[in-house]
PDB file of N, CA and C in Angstrom:
ATOM      1  N   MET A   1     154.098 -61.579  79.451  1.00  0.00           N
ATOM      2  CA  MET A   1     152.898 -61.888  80.408  1.00  0.00           C
ATOM      3  C   MET A   1     153.056 -63.260  81.049  1.00  0.00           C
ATOM      4  N   GLY A   2     152.702 -63.261  82.205  1.00  0.00           N
ATOM      5  CA  GLY A   2     152.466 -64.413  83.019  1.00  0.00           C
ATOM      6  C   GLY A   2     151.409 -65.285  82.902  1.00  0.00           C
ATOM      7  N   ARG A   3     151.487 -66.567  82.885  1.00  0.00           N
ATOM      8  CA  ARG A   3     150.274 -67.599  82.645  1.00  0.00           C
ATOM      9  C   ARG A   3     149.452 -67.599  83.845  1.00  0.00           C
ATOM     10  N   HIS A   4     148.199 -67.429  83.741  1.00  0.00           N
ATOM     11  CA  HIS A   4     147.248 -67.709  84.854  1.00  0.00           C
ATOM     12  C   HIS A   4     146.494 -69.243  84.520  1.00  0.00           C
ATOM     13  N   CYS A   5     146.595 -69.942  85.602  1.00  0.00           N
ATOM     14  CA  CYS A   5     145.907 -71.181  85.543  1.00  0.00           C
ATOM     15  C   CYS A   5     144.901 -71.073  86.609  1.00  0.00           C
ATOM     16  N   SER A   6     143.665 -71.446  86.383  1.00  0.00           N
ATOM     17  CA  SER A   6     142.441 -71.552  87.250  1.00  0.00           C
ATOM     18  C   SER A   6     141.667 -72.875  87.141  1.00  0.00           C
ATOM     19  N   PHE A   7     141.496 -73.396  88.283  1.00  0.00           N
ATOM     20  CA  PHE A   7     140.781 -74.567  88.276  1.00  0.00           C
ATOM     21  C   PHE A   7     139.931 -74.791  89.607  1.00  0.00           C
ATOM     22  N   THR A   8     139.014 -75.740  89.596  1.00  0.00           N
ATOM     23  CA  THR A   8     138.126 -75.812  90.378  1.00  0.00           C
ATOM     24  C   THR A   8     138.287 -77.322  91.111  1.00  0.00           C
ATOM     25  N   PHE A   9     138.184 -77.482  92.411  1.00  0.00           N
ATOM     26  CA  PHE A   9     138.252 -78.639  93.193  1.00  0.00           C
ATOM     27  C   PHE A   9     137.132 -78.919  93.806  1.00  0.00           C
ATOM     28  N   CYS A  10     136.389 -80.014  93.576  1.00  0.00           N
ATOM     29  CA  CYS A  10     134.953 -80.349  93.840  1.00  0.00           C
ATOM     30  C   CYS A  10     134.907 -81.544  94.965  1.00  0.00           C
ATOM     31  N   PHE A  11     134.209 -81.597  95.909  1.00  0.00           N
ATOM     32  CA  PHE A  11     134.075 -82.697  96.597  1.00  0.00           C
ATOM     33  C   PHE A  11     132.758 -82.573  97.214  1.00  0.00           C
ATOM     34  N   GLU A  12     132.106 -83.749  97.713  1.00  0.00           N
ATOM     35  CA  GLU A  12     130.951 -83.753  98.366  1.00  0.00           C
ATOM     36  C   GLU A  12     131.298 -83.917  99.788  1.00  0.00           C
ATOM     37  N   CYS A  13     130.885 -83.107 100.674  1.00  0.00           N
ATOM     38  CA  CYS A  13     131.385 -83.215 102.094  1.00  0.00           C
ATOM     39  C   CYS A  13     130.366 -84.411 102.871  1.00  0.00           C
ATOM     40  N   SER A  14     130.713 -84.705 103.997  1.00  0.00           N
ATOM     41  CA  SER A  14     129.918 -85.954 104.588  1.00  0.00           C
ATOM     42  C   SER A  14     128.510 -85.493 105.165  1.00  0.00           C
ATOM     43  N   CYS A  15     128.164 -83.990 105.057  1.00  0.00           N
ATOM     44  CA  CYS A  15     126.918 -83.502 105.497  1.00  0.00           C
ATOM     45  C   CYS A  15     125.961 -83.628 104.311  1.00  0.00           C
ATOM     46  N   GLY A  16     126.619 -83.802 102.942  1.00  0.00           N
ATOM     47  CA  GLY A  16     125.645 -83.677 101.875  1.00  0.00           C
ATOM     48  C   GLY A  16     125.844 -82.605 101.002  1.00  0.00           C
ATOM     49  N   ALA A  17     126.503 -81.669 101.211  1.00  0.00           N
ATOM     50  CA  ALA A  17     126.620 -80.409 100.443  1.00  0.00           C
ATOM     51  C   ALA A  17     127.635 -80.695  99.360  1.00  0.00           C
ATOM     52  N   LEU A  18     127.539 -79.897  98.238  1.00  0.00           N
ATOM     53  CA  LEU A  18     128.666 -80.085  97.170  1.00  0.00           C
ATOM     54  C   LEU A  18     129.450 -78.722  97.336  1.00  0.00           C
ATOM     55  N   VAL A  19     130.738 -79.057  97.636  1.00  0.00           N
ATOM     56  CA  VAL A  19     131.511 -78.009  97.905  1.00  0.00           C
ATOM     57  C   VAL A  19     132.614 -77.707  96.797  1.00  0.00           C
ATOM     58  N   ARG A  20     132.705 -76.396  96.305  1.00  0.00           N
ATOM     59  CA  ARG A  20     133.727 -76.227  95.170  1.00  0.00           C
ATOM     60  C   ARG A  20     134.711 -75.228  95.750  1.00  0.00           C
ATOM     61  N   ILE A  21     136.004 -75.410  95.731  1.00  0.00           N
ATOM     62  CA  ILE A  21     136.984 -74.618  96.006  1.00  0.00           C
ATOM     63  C   ILE A  21     137.751 -74.151  94.744  1.00  0.00           C
ATOM     64  N   THR A  22     137.876 -73.001  94.513  1.00  0.00           N
ATOM     65  CA  THR A  22     138.374 -72.388  93.375  1.00  0.00           C
ATOM     66  C   THR A  22     139.359 -71.180  93.646  1.00  0.00           C
ATOM     67  N   THR A  23     140.192 -70.830  92.371  1.00  0.00           N
ATOM     68  CA  THR A  23     140.974 -69.775  92.573  1.00  0.00           C
ATOM     69  C   THR A  23     140.314 -68.571  91.929  1.00  0.00           C
ATOM     70  N   ARG A  24     139.095 -68.826  91.480  1.00  0.00           N
ATOM     71  CA  ARG A  24     138.378 -67.501  90.886  1.00  0.00           C
ATOM     72  C   ARG A  24     137.808 -66.680  92.009  1.00  0.00           C
ATOM     73  N   CYS A  25     137.997 -65.376  91.840  1.00  0.00           N
ATOM     74  CA  CYS A  25     137.166 -64.355  92.703  1.00  0.00           C
ATOM     75  C   CYS A  25     135.819 -64.391  92.586  1.00  0.00           C
ATOM     76  N   LEU A  26     134.912 -64.032  93.473  1.00  0.00           N
ATOM     77  CA  LEU A  26     133.548 -64.056  93.321  1.00  0.00           C
ATOM     78  C   LEU A  26     133.209 -62.579  92.812  1.00  0.00           C
ATOM     79  N   GLY A  27     133.823 -61.790  92.368  1.00  0.00           N
ATOM     80  CA  GLY A  27     133.614 -60.467  91.848  1.00  0.00           C
ATOM     81  C   GLY A  27     133.786 -59.266  92.710  1.00  0.00           C
ATOM     82  N   ALA A  28     134.303 -59.446  93.929  1.00  0.00           N
ATOM     83  CA  ALA A  28     134.779 -58.320  94.851  1.00  0.00           C
ATOM     84  C   ALA A  28     135.834 -57.450  94.181  1.00  0.00           C
ATOM     85  N   VAL A  29     135.532 -56.299  94.283  1.00  0.00           N
ATOM     86  CA  VAL A  29     136.454 -55.167  93.611  1.00  0.00           C
ATOM     87  C   VAL A  29     137.921 -55.220  94.344  1.00  0.00           C
ATOM     88  N   ALA A  30     137.743 -55.557  95.632  1.00  0.00           N
ATOM     89  CA  ALA A  30     139.189 -55.424  96.319  1.00  0.00           C
ATOM     90  C   ALA A  30     139.584 -56.863  96.834  1.00  0.00           C
ATOM     91  N   CYS A  31     139.633 -57.924  96.062  1.00  0.00           N
ATOM     92  CA  CYS A  31     139.801 -59.223  96.426  1.00  0.00           C
ATOM     93  C   CYS A  31     141.440 -59.246  96.601  1.00  0.00           C
ATOM     94  N   ARG A  32     141.951 -59.587  97.700  1.00  0.00           N
ATOM     95  CA  ARG A  32     143.479 -59.584  97.880  1.00  0.00           C
ATOM     96  C   ARG A  32     144.228 -60.666  97.207  1.00  0.00           C
ATOM     97  N   PHE A  33     143.464 -61.742  96.771  1.00  0.00           N
ATOM     98  CA  PHE A  33     143.863 -62.848  96.088  1.00  0.00           C
ATOM     99  C   PHE A  33     143.763 -62.831  94.511  1.00  0.00           C
ATOM    100  N   HIS A  34     143.132 -61.667  94.030  1.00  0.00           N
ATOM    101  CA  HIS A  34     142.991 -61.520  92.515  1.00  0.00           C
ATOM    102  C   HIS A  34     144.406 -61.444  91.728  1.00  0.00           C
ATOM    103  N   GLY A  35     144.361 -62.306  90.831  1.00  0.00           N
ATOM    104  CA  GLY A  35     145.648 -62.348  89.975  1.00  0.00           C
ATOM    105  C   GLY A  35     146.706 -63.499  90.529  1.00  0.00           C
ATOM    106  N   ARG A  36     146.159 -64.091  91.675  1.00  0.00           N
ATOM    107  CA  ARG A  36     147.204 -65.057  92.224  1.00  0.00           C
ATOM    108  C   ARG A  36     146.563 -66.369  91.969  1.00  0.00           C
ATOM    109  N   ASP A  37     147.510 -67.342  91.856  1.00  0.00           N
ATOM    110  CA  ASP A  37     146.923 -68.746  91.696  1.00  0.00           C
ATOM    111  C   ASP A  37     146.819 -69.521  93.104  1.00  0.00           C
ATOM    112  N   PHE A  38     145.778 -68.943  93.760  1.00  0.00           N
ATOM    113  CA  PHE A  38     145.440 -69.407  95.132  1.00  0.00           C
ATOM    114  C   PHE A  38     144.069 -69.824  95.367  1.00  0.00           C
ATOM    115  N   GLN A  39     143.816 -70.894  95.923  1.00  0.00           N
ATOM    116  CA  GLN A  39     142.598 -71.379  96.170  1.00  0.00           C
ATOM    117  C   GLN A  39     142.051 -70.568  97.307  1.00  0.00           C
ATOM    118  N   HIS A  40     140.990 -69.694  97.075  1.00  0.00           N
ATOM    119  CA  HIS A  40     140.347 -68.856  98.205  1.00  0.00           C
ATOM    120  C   HIS A  40     138.892 -68.785  98.199  1.00  0.00           C
ATOM    121  N   THR A  41     138.284 -69.175  97.251  1.00  0.00           N
ATOM    122  CA  THR A  41     136.874 -69.135  97.170  1.00  0.00           C
ATOM    123  C   THR A  41     136.129 -70.448  97.423  1.00  0.00           C
ATOM    124  N   ALA A  42     135.230 -70.644  98.241  1.00  0.00           N
ATOM    125  CA  ALA A  42     134.371 -71.810  98.433  1.00  0.00           C
ATOM    126  C   ALA A  42     132.921 -71.727  97.866  1.00  0.00           C
ATOM    127  N   LYS A  43     132.464 -72.264  96.968  1.00  0.00           N
ATOM    128  CA  LYS A  43     131.002 -72.223  96.685  1.00  0.00           C
ATOM    129  C   LYS A  43     130.303 -73.388  97.178  1.00  0.00           C
ATOM    130  N   ILE A  44     129.399 -73.148  98.081  1.00  0.00           N
ATOM    131  CA  ILE A  44     128.719 -74.453  98.544  1.00  0.00           C
ATOM    132  C   ILE A  44     127.356 -74.685  98.048  1.00  0.00           C
ATOM    133  N   GLY A  45     126.969 -75.584  97.332  1.00  0.00           N
ATOM    134  CA  GLY A  45     125.743 -75.814  96.526  1.00  0.00           C
ATOM    135  C   GLY A  45     124.848 -76.884  97.237  1.00  0.00           C
ATOM    136  N   GLY A  46     123.658 -76.603  96.682  1.00  0.00           N
ATOM    137  CA  GLY A  46     122.657 -77.527  97.092  1.00  0.00           C
ATOM    138  C   GLY A  46     121.618 -77.592  95.869  1.00  0.00           C
ATOM    139  N   PRO A  47     120.405 -77.611  96.038  1.00  0.00           N
ATOM    140  CA  PRO A  47     119.543 -77.589  97.065  1.00  0.00           C
ATOM    141  C   PRO A  47     119.558 -79.148  97.727  1.00  0.00           C
ATOM    142  N   ARG A  48     120.626 -79.371  98.372  1.00  0.00           N
ATOM    143  CA  ARG A  48     120.680 -80.720  99.040  1.00  0.00           C
ATOM    144  C   ARG A  48     120.379 -80.358 100.684  1.00  0.00           C
ATOM    145  N   ARG A  49     119.631 -81.278 101.217  1.00  0.00           N
ATOM    146  CA  ARG A  49     119.467 -81.169 102.662  1.00  0.00           C
ATOM    147  C   ARG A  49     120.681 -81.663 103.336  1.00  0.00           C
ATOM    148  N   LEU A  50     121.069 -81.040 104.324  1.00  0.00           N
ATOM    149  CA  LEU A  50     122.162 -81.393 105.125  1.00  0.00           C
ATOM    150  C   LEU A  50     121.812 -82.704 105.943  1.00  0.00           C
ATOM    151  N   ARG A  51     122.602 -83.754 106.013  1.00  0.00           N
ATOM    152  CA  ARG A  51     122.357 -84.792 106.929  1.00  0.00           C
ATOM    153  C   ARG A  51     123.317 -84.929 108.000  1.00  0.00           C
ATOM    154  N   GLY A  52     122.868 -85.548 109.119  1.00  0.00           N
ATOM    155  CA  GLY A  52     123.892 -85.838 110.185  1.00  0.00           C
ATOM    156  C   GLY A  52     125.232 -86.590 109.767  1.00  0.00           C
ATOM    157  N   ALA A  53     126.172 -86.333 110.538  1.00  0.00           N
ATOM    158  CA  ALA A  53     127.524 -86.868 110.237  1.00  0.00           C
ATOM    159  C   ALA A  53     128.430 -86.732 111.488  1.00  0.00           C
ATOM    160  N   ASP A  54     129.445 -87.522 111.326  1.00  0.00           N
ATOM    161  CA  ASP A  54     130.469 -87.482 112.326  1.00  0.00           C
ATOM    162  C   ASP A  54     131.536 -86.470 111.827  1.00  0.00           C
ATOM    163  N   LEU A  55     131.777 -85.553 112.706  1.00  0.00           N
ATOM    164  CA  LEU A  55     132.560 -84.268 112.419  1.00  0.00           C
ATOM    165  C   LEU A  55     133.625 -84.150 113.266  1.00  0.00           C
ATOM    166  N   VAL A  56     134.859 -83.627 112.820  1.00  0.00           N
ATOM    167  CA  VAL A  56     135.848 -83.433 113.679  1.00  0.00           C
ATOM    168  C   VAL A  56     136.173 -81.962 113.534  1.00  0.00           C
ATOM    169  N   ILE A  57     136.326 -81.188 114.505  1.00  0.00           N
ATOM    170  CA  ILE A  57     136.574 -79.583 114.443  1.00  0.00           C
ATOM    171  C   ILE A  57     137.906 -79.367 114.166  1.00  0.00           C
ATOM    172  N   PRO A  58     138.405 -78.713 113.198  1.00  0.00           N
ATOM    173  CA  PRO A  58     139.672 -78.455 113.059  1.00  0.00           C
ATOM    174  C   PRO A  58     140.219 -77.138 113.680  1.00  0.00           C
ATOM    175  N   ASP A  59     139.209 -76.178 113.770  1.00  0.00           N
ATOM    176  CA  ASP A  59     139.322 -74.811 114.492  1.00  0.00           C
ATOM    177  C   ASP A  59     138.402 -74.146 114.964  1.00  0.00           C
ATOM    178  N   LEU A  60     138.412 -73.116 115.675  1.00  0.00           N
ATOM    179  CA  LEU A  60     137.246 -72.323 116.204  1.00  0.00           C
ATOM    180  C   LEU A  60     136.139 -71.886 115.103  1.00  0.00           C
ATOM    181  N   ARG A  61     136.645 -71.055 114.098  1.00  0.00           N
ATOM    182  CA  ARG A  61     135.720 -70.752 113.217  1.00  0.00           C
ATOM    183  C   ARG A  61     134.928 -71.804 112.451  1.00  0.00           C
ATOM    184  N   ALA A  62     135.576 -72.763 111.892  1.00  0.00           N
ATOM    185  CA  ALA A  62     134.964 -73.972 111.270  1.00  0.00           C
ATOM    186  C   ALA A  62     134.237 -74.584 112.263  1.00  0.00           C
ATOM    187  N   GLY A  63     134.675 -74.667 113.369  1.00  0.00           N
ATOM    188  CA  GLY A  63     133.922 -75.576 114.469  1.00  0.00           C
ATOM    189  C   GLY A  63     132.496 -75.059 114.549  1.00  0.00           C
ATOM    190  N   PHE A  64     132.280 -73.773 114.753  1.00  0.00           N
ATOM    191  CA  PHE A  64     131.042 -73.113 114.897  1.00  0.00           C
ATOM    192  C   PHE A  64     130.142 -73.327 113.649  1.00  0.00           C
ATOM    193  N   GLY A  65     130.825 -73.229 112.405  1.00  0.00           N
ATOM    194  CA  GLY A  65     130.127 -73.553 111.304  1.00  0.00           C
ATOM    195  C   GLY A  65     129.449 -74.990 111.322  1.00  0.00           C
ATOM    196  N   TYR A  66     130.228 -75.918 111.756  1.00  0.00           N
ATOM    197  CA  TYR A  66     129.825 -77.144 111.843  1.00  0.00           C
ATOM    198  C   TYR A  66     128.717 -77.388 112.953  1.00  0.00           C
ATOM    199  N   VAL A  67     128.643 -76.821 113.868  1.00  0.00           N
ATOM    200  CA  VAL A  67     127.700 -76.685 114.983  1.00  0.00           C
ATOM    201  C   VAL A  67     126.494 -76.256 114.315  1.00  0.00           C
ATOM    202  N   LEU A  68     126.360 -75.123 113.547  1.00  0.00           N
ATOM    203  CA  LEU A  68     125.292 -74.564 112.858  1.00  0.00           C
ATOM    204  C   LEU A  68     124.818 -75.710 111.908  1.00  0.00           C
ATOM    205  N   ALA A  69     125.830 -76.214 110.972  1.00  0.00           N
ATOM    206  CA  ALA A  69     125.111 -77.228 110.115  1.00  0.00           C
ATOM    207  C   ALA A  69     124.551 -78.435 110.806  1.00  0.00           C
ATOM    208  N   ALA A  70     125.168 -78.893 111.916  1.00  0.00           N
ATOM    209  CA  ALA A  70     124.467 -80.035 112.682  1.00  0.00           C
ATOM    210  C   ALA A  70     123.224 -79.621 113.156  1.00  0.00           C
ATOM    211  N   LEU A  71     123.096 -78.346 113.543  1.00  0.00           N
ATOM    212  CA  LEU A  71     121.675 -77.989 114.150  1.00  0.00           C
ATOM    213  C   LEU A  71     120.605 -78.179 113.036  1.00  0.00           C
ATOM    214  N   VAL A  72     120.914 -77.702 111.856  1.00  0.00           N
ATOM    215  CA  VAL A  72     119.820 -77.666 110.800  1.00  0.00           C
ATOM    216  C   VAL A  72     119.821 -79.046 110.022  1.00  0.00           C
ATOM    217  N   ALA A  73     120.790 -79.851 110.179  1.00  0.00           N
ATOM    218  CA  ALA A  73     120.851 -81.166 109.584  1.00  0.00           C
ATOM    219  C   ALA A  73     119.726 -82.157 109.859  1.00  0.00           C
ATOM    220  N   GLU A  74     119.459 -83.082 108.994  1.00  0.00           N
ATOM    221  CA  GLU A  74     118.516 -84.239 109.393  1.00  0.00           C
ATOM    222  C   GLU A  74     119.171 -85.170 109.977  1.00  0.00           C
ATOM    223  N   GLY A  75     118.817 -85.932 111.040  1.00  0.00           N
ATOM    224  CA  GLY A  75     119.545 -86.883 111.585  1.00  0.00           C
ATOM    225  C   GLY A  75     120.444 -86.490 112.785  1.00  0.00           C
ATOM    226  N   THR A  76     121.237 -87.339 113.199  1.00  0.00           N
ATOM    227  CA  THR A  76     122.160 -87.024 114.388  1.00  0.00           C
ATOM    228  C   THR A  76     123.586 -86.684 113.793  1.00  0.00           C
ATOM    229  N   SER A  77     124.239 -85.654 114.520  1.00  0.00           N
ATOM    230  CA  SER A  77     125.708 -85.373 114.271  1.00  0.00           C
ATOM    231  C   SER A  77     126.418 -85.606 115.404  1.00  0.00           C
ATOM    232  N   THR A  78     127.722 -86.007 115.277  1.00  0.00           N
ATOM    233  CA  THR A  78     128.613 -86.275 116.357  1.00  0.00           C
ATOM    234  C   THR A  78     129.737 -85.286 116.215  1.00  0.00           C
ATOM    235  N   ILE A  79     130.044 -84.431 117.077  1.00  0.00           N
ATOM    236  CA  ILE A  79     131.253 -83.447 116.803  1.00  0.00           C
ATOM    237  C   ILE A  79     132.314 -83.812 117.755  1.00  0.00           C
ATOM    238  N   ALA A  80     133.525 -84.034 117.259  1.00  0.00           N
ATOM    239  CA  ALA A  80     134.586 -84.367 118.124  1.00  0.00           C
ATOM    240  C   ALA A  80     135.570 -83.237 118.110  1.00  0.00           C
ATOM    241  N   GLU A  81     136.410 -82.958 119.043  1.00  0.00           N
ATOM    242  CA  GLU A  81     137.412 -82.064 119.164  1.00  0.00           C
ATOM    243  C   GLU A  81     136.947 -80.722 119.548  1.00  0.00           C
ATOM    244  N   THR A  82     135.945 -80.728 120.419  1.00  0.00           N
ATOM    245  CA  THR A  82     135.224 -79.558 120.918  1.00  0.00           C
ATOM    246  C   THR A  82     135.932 -78.629 121.823  1.00  0.00           C
ATOM    247  N   ARG A  83     137.317 -78.841 121.965  1.00  0.00           N
ATOM    248  CA  ARG A  83     138.058 -77.913 122.873  1.00  0.00           C
ATOM    249  C   ARG A  83     138.186 -76.615 122.349  1.00  0.00           C
ATOM    250  N   TYR A  84     138.168 -76.421 120.985  1.00  0.00           N
ATOM    251  CA  TYR A  84     138.140 -75.058 120.351  1.00  0.00           C
ATOM    252  C   TYR A  84     136.926 -74.331 120.841  1.00  0.00           C
ATOM    253  N   LEU A  85     135.865 -74.902 120.783  1.00  0.00           N
ATOM    254  CA  LEU A  85     134.537 -74.410 120.985  1.00  0.00           C
ATOM    255  C   LEU A  85     134.406 -74.020 122.624  1.00  0.00           C
ATOM    256  N   GLU A  86     134.905 -74.788 123.320  1.00  0.00           N
ATOM    257  CA  GLU A  86     134.806 -74.691 124.726  1.00  0.00           C
ATOM    258  C   GLU A  86     135.616 -73.525 125.117  1.00  0.00           C
ATOM    259  N   ARG A  87     136.815 -73.371 124.489  1.00  0.00           N
ATOM    260  CA  ARG A  87     137.688 -72.150 124.793  1.00  0.00           C
ATOM    261  C   ARG A  87     137.343 -70.927 124.176  1.00  0.00           C
ATOM    262  N   GLY A  88     136.589 -70.890 122.937  1.00  0.00           N
ATOM    263  CA  GLY A  88     136.301 -69.766 122.333  1.00  0.00           C
ATOM    264  C   GLY A  88     134.727 -69.262 122.581  1.00  0.00           C
ATOM    265  N   TYR A  89     133.843 -70.076 123.154  1.00  0.00           N
ATOM    266  CA  TYR A  89     132.672 -69.567 123.400  1.00  0.00           C
ATOM    267  C   TYR A  89     132.230 -70.189 124.745  1.00  0.00           C
ATOM    268  N   GLU A  90     131.961 -69.255 125.608  1.00  0.00           N
ATOM    269  CA  GLU A  90     131.692 -69.414 127.051  1.00  0.00           C
ATOM    270  C   GLU A  90     130.219 -69.893 127.044  1.00  0.00           C
ATOM    271  N   GLN A  91     130.002 -71.209 127.830  1.00  0.00           N
ATOM    272  CA  GLN A  91     128.864 -71.795 127.979  1.00  0.00           C
ATOM    273  C   GLN A  91     128.036 -71.857 126.581  1.00  0.00           C
ATOM    274  N   LEU A  92     128.661 -72.425 125.548  1.00  0.00           N
ATOM    275  CA  LEU A  92     128.007 -72.618 124.329  1.00  0.00           C
ATOM    276  C   LEU A  92     126.865 -73.504 124.312  1.00  0.00           C
ATOM    277  N   VAL A  93     126.819 -74.579 125.128  1.00  0.00           N
ATOM    278  CA  VAL A  93     125.850 -75.632 125.069  1.00  0.00           C
ATOM    279  C   VAL A  93     124.486 -74.883 125.645  1.00  0.00           C
ATOM    280  N   ALA A  94     124.682 -74.234 126.781  1.00  0.00           N
ATOM    281  CA  ALA A  94     123.667 -73.544 127.620  1.00  0.00           C
ATOM    282  C   ALA A  94     122.954 -72.485 126.583  1.00  0.00           C
ATOM    283  N   LYS A  95     123.757 -71.778 125.923  1.00  0.00           N
ATOM    284  CA  LYS A  95     123.243 -70.760 124.956  1.00  0.00           C
ATOM    285  C   LYS A  95     122.504 -71.310 123.798  1.00  0.00           C
ATOM    286  N   LEU A  96     123.020 -72.354 123.274  1.00  0.00           N
ATOM    287  CA  LEU A  96     122.428 -73.073 122.060  1.00  0.00           C
ATOM    288  C   LEU A  96     121.007 -73.475 122.623  1.00  0.00           C
ATOM    289  N   ALA A  97     120.998 -74.009 123.837  1.00  0.00           N
ATOM    290  CA  ALA A  97     119.671 -74.735 124.358  1.00  0.00           C
ATOM    291  C   ALA A  97     118.687 -73.547 124.647  1.00  0.00           C
ATOM    292  N   ALA A  98     119.204 -72.427 125.114  1.00  0.00           N
ATOM    293  CA  ALA A  98     118.391 -71.179 125.388  1.00  0.00           C
ATOM    294  C   ALA A  98     117.495 -70.685 124.225  1.00  0.00           C
ATOM    295  N   VAL A  99     118.165 -70.929 122.893  1.00  0.00           N
ATOM    296  CA  VAL A  99     117.616 -70.466 121.589  1.00  0.00           C
ATOM    297  C   VAL A  99     116.832 -71.568 121.017  1.00  0.00           C
ATOM    298  N   GLY A 100     116.750 -72.768 121.737  1.00  0.00           N
ATOM    299  CA  GLY A 100     115.905 -73.701 121.070  1.00  0.00           C
ATOM    300  C   GLY A 100     116.641 -74.910 120.554  1.00  0.00           C
ATOM    301  N   ALA A 101     117.824 -75.129 120.734  1.00  0.00           N
ATOM    302  CA  ALA A 101     118.583 -76.210 120.356  1.00  0.00           C
ATOM    303  C   ALA A 101     118.475 -77.354 121.347  1.00  0.00           C
ATOM    304  N   ALA A 102     117.170 -77.877 121.559  1.00  0.00           N
ATOM    305  CA  ALA A 102     116.894 -78.776 122.610  1.00  0.00           C
ATOM    306  C   ALA A 102     117.555 -80.073 122.336  1.00  0.00           C
ATOM    307  N   SER A 103     117.822 -80.645 121.156  1.00  0.00           N
ATOM    308  CA  SER A 103     118.687 -81.892 121.019  1.00  0.00           C
ATOM    309  C   SER A 103     120.187 -81.861 120.984  1.00  0.00           C
ATOM    310  N   PHE A 104     120.712 -80.730 121.490  1.00  0.00           N
ATOM    311  CA  PHE A 104     122.039 -80.559 121.468  1.00  0.00           C
ATOM    312  C   PHE A 104     122.603 -81.035 122.852  1.00  0.00           C
ATOM    313  N   ALA A 105     123.478 -81.952 122.796  1.00  0.00           N
ATOM    314  CA  ALA A 105     124.046 -82.536 124.018  1.00  0.00           C
ATOM    315  C   ALA A 105     125.559 -82.496 124.110  1.00  0.00           C
ATOM    316  N   GLN A 106     126.011 -82.187 125.091  1.00  0.00           N
ATOM    317  CA  GLN A 106     127.649 -82.428 125.197  1.00  0.00           C
ATOM    318  C   GLN A 106     127.945 -83.654 125.953  1.00  0.00           C
ATOM    319  N   VAL A 107     128.939 -84.359 125.285  1.00  0.00           N
ATOM    320  CA  VAL A 107     129.535 -85.521 125.727  1.00  0.00           C
ATOM    321  C   VAL A 107     131.137 -85.330 125.969  1.00  0.00           C
ATOM    322  N   ARG A 108     131.657 -85.553 127.134  1.00  0.00           N
ATOM    323  CA  ARG A 108     133.185 -85.421 127.379  1.00  0.00           C
ATOM    324  C   ARG A 108     133.844 -86.798 127.316  1.00  0.00           C
ATOM    325  N   ALA A 109     134.809 -86.989 126.666  1.00  0.00           N
ATOM    326  CA  ALA A 109     135.685 -88.227 126.930  1.00  0.00           C
ATOM    327  C   ALA A 109     136.456 -88.162 128.106  1.00  0.00           C
ATOM    328  N   LEU A 110     136.557 -89.513 128.740  1.00  0.00           N
ATOM    329  CA  LEU A 110     137.261 -89.439 129.989  1.00  0.00           C
ATOM    330  C   LEU A 110     138.696 -89.671 129.698  1.00  0.00           C
TER     331      LEU A 110
END
């Protein structure tokens, strides 16, 4: 029999949430990573309030998550590398403003 090693990697992100990345499945019957020693599950814990932070967008999906987190966080967040969002979501700033994100501003580097 093969040996299975499972561990959890924890860190506190700059917004204040406690993030645990683990090799354990969350109970889905058809988890494609079941039985593999691959970190594929993230548990984000609280109940901590998110706080504003300086964030750098690594890709499109994470970037939109960062925007949502920044919108509900206390304080001001600065988001860099917005090119992914600009390419993936047409007129994102205008759409966010239309649903009440009044304090959302876009700044372009020259």
